[in-house]
Amino acid sequence: MSFCTACGSSMSETDRFCTACGAPRTESPAIHGSRERSPRTARRIAVLTVVFVVACALALVTGYTVWSSPPRVDPAAVEVRIIP
């Protein structure tokens, strides 16, 4: 039993066209279950990886600058008490 390369539905060995989508039968050069990726998929993964790394770097830098700086206090609002 083989499968349609366009829609993935099952095809008998004698079918010349897919009964679900009508695509012509083509011989798949890859074995089922292989993890070969098209250049478009590989590029998409690379772009998503770069976006993820940049977002993490921005989150780390922003978090560091927010949490590492001392709190801003208005000097006029500070009350000094001297204990005798």
Protein backbone atom coordinates (compact mmCIF):
# COMPACT_ATOMS: atom_id res chain seq x y z
CA MET A 1 0.00 0.00 0.00
CA SER A 2 1.25 3.47 -0.88
CA PHE A 3 0.18 6.96 0.05
CA CYS A 4 -0.56 10.11 -1.93
CA THR A 5 2.30 12.60 -1.80
CA ALA A 6 -0.13 15.53 -2.02
CA CYS A 7 -2.74 14.70 0.65
CA GLY A 8 -1.43 11.59 2.41
CA SER A 9 -4.44 9.34 1.80
CA SER A 10 -3.86 5.68 1.01
CA MET A 11 -3.69 4.51 -2.59
CA SER A 12 -3.78 1.04 -4.03
CA GLU A 13 -0.89 -0.10 -6.21
CA THR A 14 -3.02 0.09 -9.37
CA ASP A 15 -4.29 3.67 -8.90
CA ARG A 16 -2.81 6.22 -11.27
CA PHE A 17 -4.52 9.14 -9.49
CA CYS A 18 -5.44 9.76 -5.86
CA THR A 19 -9.10 9.06 -5.20
CA ALA A 20 -9.24 11.75 -2.49
CA CYS A 21 -7.58 14.75 -4.16
CA GLY A 22 -7.02 13.70 -7.78
CA ALA A 23 -3.26 14.23 -7.76
CA PRO A 24 -1.26 12.02 -10.15
CA ARG A 25 0.69 9.17 -8.60
CA THR A 26 4.37 9.90 -8.13
CA GLU A 27 7.04 7.65 -6.78
CA SER A 28 8.41 9.02 -3.56
CA PRO A 29 12.21 8.94 -3.53
CA ALA A 30 12.32 8.95 0.26
CA ILE A 31 11.41 6.00 2.42
CA HIS A 32 8.38 6.50 4.67
CA GLY A 33 9.41 7.75 8.06
CA SER A 34 12.59 9.43 6.89
CA ARG A 35 13.25 12.85 8.35
CA GLU A 36 14.34 14.63 5.19
CA ARG A 37 13.38 18.30 5.26
CA SER A 38 12.77 20.59 2.36
CA PRO A 39 14.91 23.73 2.11
CA ARG A 40 11.82 25.80 2.92
CA THR A 41 11.21 23.90 6.17
CA ALA A 42 14.89 24.12 7.12
CA ARG A 43 14.84 27.88 6.53
CA ARG A 44 11.68 28.26 8.61
CA ILE A 45 13.28 26.36 11.49
CA ALA A 46 16.41 28.52 11.25
CA VAL A 47 14.38 31.75 11.29
CA LEU A 48 12.31 30.60 14.26
CA THR A 49 15.45 29.61 16.13
CA VAL A 50 17.01 33.04 15.55
CA VAL A 51 13.80 34.80 16.64
CA PHE A 52 13.66 32.65 19.78
CA VAL A 53 17.30 33.35 20.69
CA VAL A 54 16.88 37.11 20.15
CA ALA A 55 13.68 37.15 22.25
CA CYS A 56 15.44 35.29 25.08
CA ALA A 57 18.40 37.67 24.94
CA LEU A 58 16.09 40.69 25.10
CA ALA A 59 14.22 39.18 28.04
CA LEU A 60 17.48 38.53 29.90
CA VAL A 61 18.86 42.01 29.25
CA THR A 62 15.59 43.68 30.21
CA GLY A 63 15.24 41.58 33.34
CA TYR A 64 18.82 42.24 34.35
CA THR A 65 18.53 46.00 33.94
CA VAL A 66 15.23 46.15 35.83
CA TRP A 67 16.30 43.97 38.75
CA SER A 68 19.94 45.08 39.06
CA SER A 69 19.35 48.84 39.27
CA PRO A 70 18.71 50.29 42.72
CA PRO A 71 15.22 51.57 43.39
CA ARG A 72 14.69 55.20 42.54
CA VAL A 73 13.79 57.20 45.63
CA ASP A 74 12.82 60.84 45.67
CA PRO A 75 15.31 62.59 48.00
CA ALA A 76 12.61 64.99 49.21
CA ALA A 77 10.47 62.09 50.35
CA VAL A 78 13.20 60.58 52.54
CA GLU A 79 12.76 61.32 56.22
CA VAL A 80 15.85 61.12 58.37
CA ARG A 81 15.42 60.16 61.99
CA ILE A 82 18.22 60.38 64.47
CA ILE A 83 17.87 58.06 67.40
CA PRO A 84 19.48 59.45 70.62
